[in-house]
Amino acid sequence: AAAWVVGGCFLLATLRRLFGDAAALAGLGVYALQPNLLYLAATPMTETIFFAAALGILYFTVKVGDTASPRDAALAGACALAASLTRYEGWILIPVTGLYVLYAGGRRRWACALSFGLIAGAGPLYWLAHDQY
């Protein structure tokens, strides 16, 4: 349930940044009252953790598009790391988000992409090393 709340906070902040307060509240209402998501939040499954991490990636990549900050890219990388350690679906988000960060990073695109990639790439590398061990 805590991941459901964290995901809602990331979604609200992202929608507020992109579309304003009214759209953010409407989007949060759709997210918070979706019956399947309410069920997943009440059960011990990893979907809500993955959604929270994916919405964190969305929030911080939107910020990277505005600020071109390697710090925001690193925070997006931390969310991608969490997503990749939670579910295999998180693995595909790493190269896709890395390309977006490289595109949206402005003058500091390489610093942003490197800070994102180093942190986010640790998830699959850890997973593969764990499986090898």
C-alpha atoms as a PDB file:
ATOM      1  CA  ALA A   1       0.000   0.000   0.000  1.00  0.00           C
ATOM      2  CA  ALA A   2       2.922   2.355   0.655  1.00  0.00           C
ATOM      3  CA  ALA A   3       4.125   1.889  -2.932  1.00  0.00           C
ATOM      4  CA  TRP A   4       0.619   2.750  -4.133  1.00  0.00           C
ATOM      5  CA  VAL A   5       0.875   6.059  -2.251  1.00  0.00           C
ATOM      6  CA  VAL A   6       4.406   6.772  -3.530  1.00  0.00           C
ATOM      7  CA  GLY A   7       3.305   6.050  -7.099  1.00  0.00           C
ATOM      8  CA  GLY A   8       0.362   8.401  -6.674  1.00  0.00           C
ATOM      9  CA  CYS A   9       2.672  11.146  -5.406  1.00  0.00           C
ATOM     10  CA  PHE A  10       4.982  10.747  -8.405  1.00  0.00           C
ATOM     11  CA  LEU A  11       2.011  10.757 -10.781  1.00  0.00           C
ATOM     12  CA  LEU A  12       0.518  13.854  -9.166  1.00  0.00           C
ATOM     13  CA  ALA A  13       3.826  15.725  -9.329  1.00  0.00           C
ATOM     14  CA  THR A  14       4.385  14.732 -12.964  1.00  0.00           C
ATOM     15  CA  LEU A  15       0.902  15.685 -14.105  1.00  0.00           C
ATOM     16  CA  ARG A  16       1.055  18.947 -12.175  1.00  0.00           C
ATOM     17  CA  ARG A  17       4.369  19.797 -13.857  1.00  0.00           C
ATOM     18  CA  LEU A  18       3.047  18.969 -17.334  1.00  0.00           C
ATOM     19  CA  PHE A  19      -0.635  19.944 -17.284  1.00  0.00           C
ATOM     20  CA  GLY A  20      -1.529  21.916 -14.156  1.00  0.00           C
ATOM     21  CA  ASP A  21      -3.450  21.299 -10.960  1.00  0.00           C
ATOM     22  CA  ALA A  22      -6.861  20.275 -12.320  1.00  0.00           C
ATOM     23  CA  ALA A  23      -5.470  17.640 -14.671  1.00  0.00           C
ATOM     24  CA  ALA A  24      -3.136  16.381 -11.945  1.00  0.00           C
ATOM     25  CA  LEU A  25      -6.007  15.839  -9.521  1.00  0.00           C
ATOM     26  CA  ALA A  26      -8.104  14.136 -12.205  1.00  0.00           C
ATOM     27  CA  GLY A  27      -5.220  11.824 -13.124  1.00  0.00           C
ATOM     28  CA  LEU A  28      -4.563  11.039  -9.477  1.00  0.00           C
ATOM     29  CA  GLY A  29      -8.239  10.190  -9.020  1.00  0.00           C
ATOM     30  CA  VAL A  30      -8.138   7.761 -11.939  1.00  0.00           C
ATOM     31  CA  TYR A  31      -4.971   6.174 -10.544  1.00  0.00           C
ATOM     32  CA  ALA A  32      -6.128   6.007  -6.925  1.00  0.00           C
ATOM     33  CA  LEU A  33      -9.611   4.651  -7.605  1.00  0.00           C
ATOM     34  CA  GLN A  34      -8.778   2.092 -10.285  1.00  0.00           C
ATOM     35  CA  PRO A  35     -10.218  -1.178  -8.893  1.00  0.00           C
ATOM     36  CA  ASN A  36      -7.456  -3.482 -10.139  1.00  0.00           C
ATOM     37  CA  LEU A  37      -4.764  -1.249  -8.699  1.00  0.00           C
ATOM     38  CA  LEU A  38      -6.621  -1.080  -5.382  1.00  0.00           C
ATOM     39  CA  TYR A  39      -6.648  -4.869  -5.314  1.00  0.00           C
ATOM     40  CA  LEU A  40      -2.921  -5.062  -6.138  1.00  0.00           C
ATOM     41  CA  ALA A  41      -2.136  -2.522  -3.416  1.00  0.00           C
ATOM     42  CA  ALA A  42      -3.951  -4.681  -0.875  1.00  0.00           C
ATOM     43  CA  THR A  43      -2.086  -7.881  -1.768  1.00  0.00           C
ATOM     44  CA  PRO A  44       1.598  -8.775  -1.338  1.00  0.00           C
ATOM     45  CA  MET A  45       2.540  -8.513  -5.013  1.00  0.00           C
ATOM     46  CA  THR A  46       5.232  -6.503  -6.784  1.00  0.00           C
ATOM     47  CA  GLU A  47       3.091  -4.628  -9.286  1.00  0.00           C
ATOM     48  CA  THR A  48       2.516  -1.543  -7.134  1.00  0.00           C
ATOM     49  CA  ILE A  49       6.237  -1.346  -6.326  1.00  0.00           C
ATOM     50  CA  PHE A  50       6.994  -1.507 -10.034  1.00  0.00           C
ATOM     51  CA  PHE A  51       4.372   1.152 -10.809  1.00  0.00           C
ATOM     52  CA  ALA A  52       5.838   3.456  -8.161  1.00  0.00           C
ATOM     53  CA  ALA A  53       9.331   2.997  -9.625  1.00  0.00           C
ATOM     54  CA  ALA A  54       8.083   3.511 -13.192  1.00  0.00           C
ATOM     55  CA  LEU A  55       6.224   6.676 -12.189  1.00  0.00           C
ATOM     56  CA  GLY A  56       9.402   7.854 -10.452  1.00  0.00           C
ATOM     57  CA  ILE A  57      11.265   7.325 -13.734  1.00  0.00           C
ATOM     58  CA  LEU A  58       8.584   9.354 -15.509  1.00  0.00           C
ATOM     59  CA  TYR A  59       8.777  12.205 -13.000  1.00  0.00           C
ATOM     60  CA  PHE A  60      12.547  12.516 -13.015  1.00  0.00           C
ATOM     61  CA  THR A  61      12.871  12.210 -16.801  1.00  0.00           C
ATOM     62  CA  VAL A  62      10.323  14.998 -17.208  1.00  0.00           C
ATOM     63  CA  LYS A  63      12.536  17.048 -14.880  1.00  0.00           C
ATOM     64  CA  VAL A  64      15.613  16.137 -16.939  1.00  0.00           C
ATOM     65  CA  GLY A  65      13.801  17.489 -19.997  1.00  0.00           C
ATOM     66  CA  ASP A  66      13.290  20.792 -18.162  1.00  0.00           C
ATOM     67  CA  THR A  67      16.527  21.170 -16.205  1.00  0.00           C
ATOM     68  CA  ALA A  68      19.112  18.954 -17.964  1.00  0.00           C
ATOM     69  CA  SER A  69      20.398  18.090 -14.502  1.00  0.00           C
ATOM     70  CA  PRO A  70      22.605  15.016 -13.999  1.00  0.00           C
ATOM     71  CA  ARG A  71      21.183  14.841 -10.470  1.00  0.00           C
ATOM     72  CA  ASP A  72      17.653  14.340 -11.829  1.00  0.00           C
ATOM     73  CA  ALA A  73      19.029  11.784 -14.288  1.00  0.00           C
ATOM     74  CA  ALA A  74      20.689   9.946 -11.402  1.00  0.00           C
ATOM     75  CA  LEU A  75      17.394   9.924  -9.489  1.00  0.00           C
ATOM     76  CA  ALA A  76      15.669   8.534 -12.585  1.00  0.00           C
ATOM     77  CA  GLY A  77      18.425   5.922 -12.652  1.00  0.00           C
ATOM     78  CA  ALA A  78      17.710   5.024  -9.030  1.00  0.00           C
ATOM     79  CA  CYS A  79      14.045   4.531  -9.878  1.00  0.00           C
ATOM     80  CA  ALA A  80      15.022   2.426 -12.909  1.00  0.00           C
ATOM     81  CA  LEU A  81      17.284   0.381 -10.649  1.00  0.00           C
ATOM     82  CA  ALA A  82      14.335  -0.259  -8.327  1.00  0.00           C
ATOM     83  CA  ALA A  83      12.093  -1.134 -11.287  1.00  0.00           C
ATOM     84  CA  SER A  84      14.628  -3.568 -12.741  1.00  0.00           C
ATOM     85  CA  LEU A  85      15.100  -5.320  -9.404  1.00  0.00           C
ATOM     86  CA  THR A  86      11.348  -5.563  -8.896  1.00  0.00           C
ATOM     87  CA  ARG A  87      10.175  -7.009 -12.214  1.00  0.00           C
ATOM     88  CA  TYR A  88      11.723  -8.008 -15.511  1.00  0.00           C
ATOM     89  CA  GLU A  89       9.551  -5.404 -17.242  1.00  0.00           C
ATOM     90  CA  GLY A  90      11.817  -2.820 -15.650  1.00  0.00           C
ATOM     91  CA  TRP A  91      14.764  -4.004 -17.727  1.00  0.00           C
ATOM     92  CA  ILE A  92      13.339  -2.625 -20.983  1.00  0.00           C
ATOM     93  CA  LEU A  93      12.803   0.761 -19.348  1.00  0.00           C
ATOM     94  CA  ILE A  94      16.562   1.213 -18.911  1.00  0.00           C
ATOM     95  CA  PRO A  95      17.656   1.495 -22.569  1.00  0.00           C
ATOM     96  CA  VAL A  96      14.495   3.335 -23.597  1.00  0.00           C
ATOM     97  CA  THR A  97      14.830   5.873 -20.785  1.00  0.00           C
ATOM     98  CA  GLY A  98      18.578   6.145 -21.387  1.00  0.00           C
ATOM     99  CA  LEU A  99      17.922   7.158 -25.009  1.00  0.00           C
ATOM    100  CA  TYR A 100      15.365   9.707 -23.870  1.00  0.00           C
ATOM    101  CA  VAL A 101      17.778  11.159 -21.310  1.00  0.00           C
ATOM    102  CA  LEU A 102      20.432  11.369 -24.012  1.00  0.00           C
ATOM    103  CA  TYR A 103      17.959  13.167 -26.273  1.00  0.00           C
ATOM    104  CA  ALA A 104      16.495  15.512 -23.640  1.00  0.00           C
ATOM    105  CA  GLY A 105      19.686  16.288 -21.728  1.00  0.00           C
ATOM    106  CA  GLY A 106      20.548  19.405 -23.701  1.00  0.00           C
ATOM    107  CA  ARG A 107      24.148  20.580 -23.450  1.00  0.00           C
ATOM    108  CA  ARG A 108      24.759  18.188 -20.566  1.00  0.00           C
ATOM    109  CA  ARG A 109      23.280  15.158 -22.339  1.00  0.00           C
ATOM    110  CA  TRP A 110      26.334  12.945 -21.918  1.00  0.00           C
ATOM    111  CA  ALA A 111      26.652  13.696 -18.203  1.00  0.00           C
ATOM    112  CA  CYS A 112      22.940  13.006 -17.744  1.00  0.00           C
ATOM    113  CA  ALA A 113      23.054   9.777 -19.747  1.00  0.00           C
ATOM    114  CA  LEU A 114      26.150   8.573 -17.906  1.00  0.00           C
ATOM    115  CA  SER A 115      24.719   9.299 -14.467  1.00  0.00           C
ATOM    116  CA  PHE A 116      21.484   7.552 -15.432  1.00  0.00           C
ATOM    117  CA  GLY A 117      23.162   4.575 -17.074  1.00  0.00           C
ATOM    118  CA  LEU A 118      25.653   3.833 -14.318  1.00  0.00           C
ATOM    119  CA  ILE A 119      22.996   3.670 -11.649  1.00  0.00           C
ATOM    120  CA  ALA A 120      20.228   2.018 -13.670  1.00  0.00           C
ATOM    121  CA  GLY A 121      22.552  -0.530 -15.256  1.00  0.00           C
ATOM    122  CA  ALA A 122      23.577  -1.859 -11.855  1.00  0.00           C
ATOM    123  CA  GLY A 123      20.194  -3.592 -11.493  1.00  0.00           C
ATOM    124  CA  PRO A 124      20.465  -6.089 -14.363  1.00  0.00           C
ATOM    125  CA  LEU A 125      24.184  -6.556 -13.681  1.00  0.00           C
ATOM    126  CA  TYR A 126      23.447  -7.427 -10.061  1.00  0.00           C
ATOM    127  CA  TRP A 127      20.644  -9.749 -11.117  1.00  0.00           C
ATOM    128  CA  LEU A 128      22.858 -11.603 -13.605  1.00  0.00           C
ATOM    129  CA  ALA A 129      25.732 -11.872 -11.093  1.00  0.00           C
ATOM    130  CA  HIS A 130      23.306 -13.202  -8.482  1.00  0.00           C
ATOM    131  CA  ASP A 131      22.000 -15.811 -10.911  1.00  0.00           C
ATOM    132  CA  GLN A 132      25.537 -16.798 -11.876  1.00  0.00           C
ATOM    133  CA  TYR A 133      26.508 -17.230  -8.239  1.00  0.00           C
END
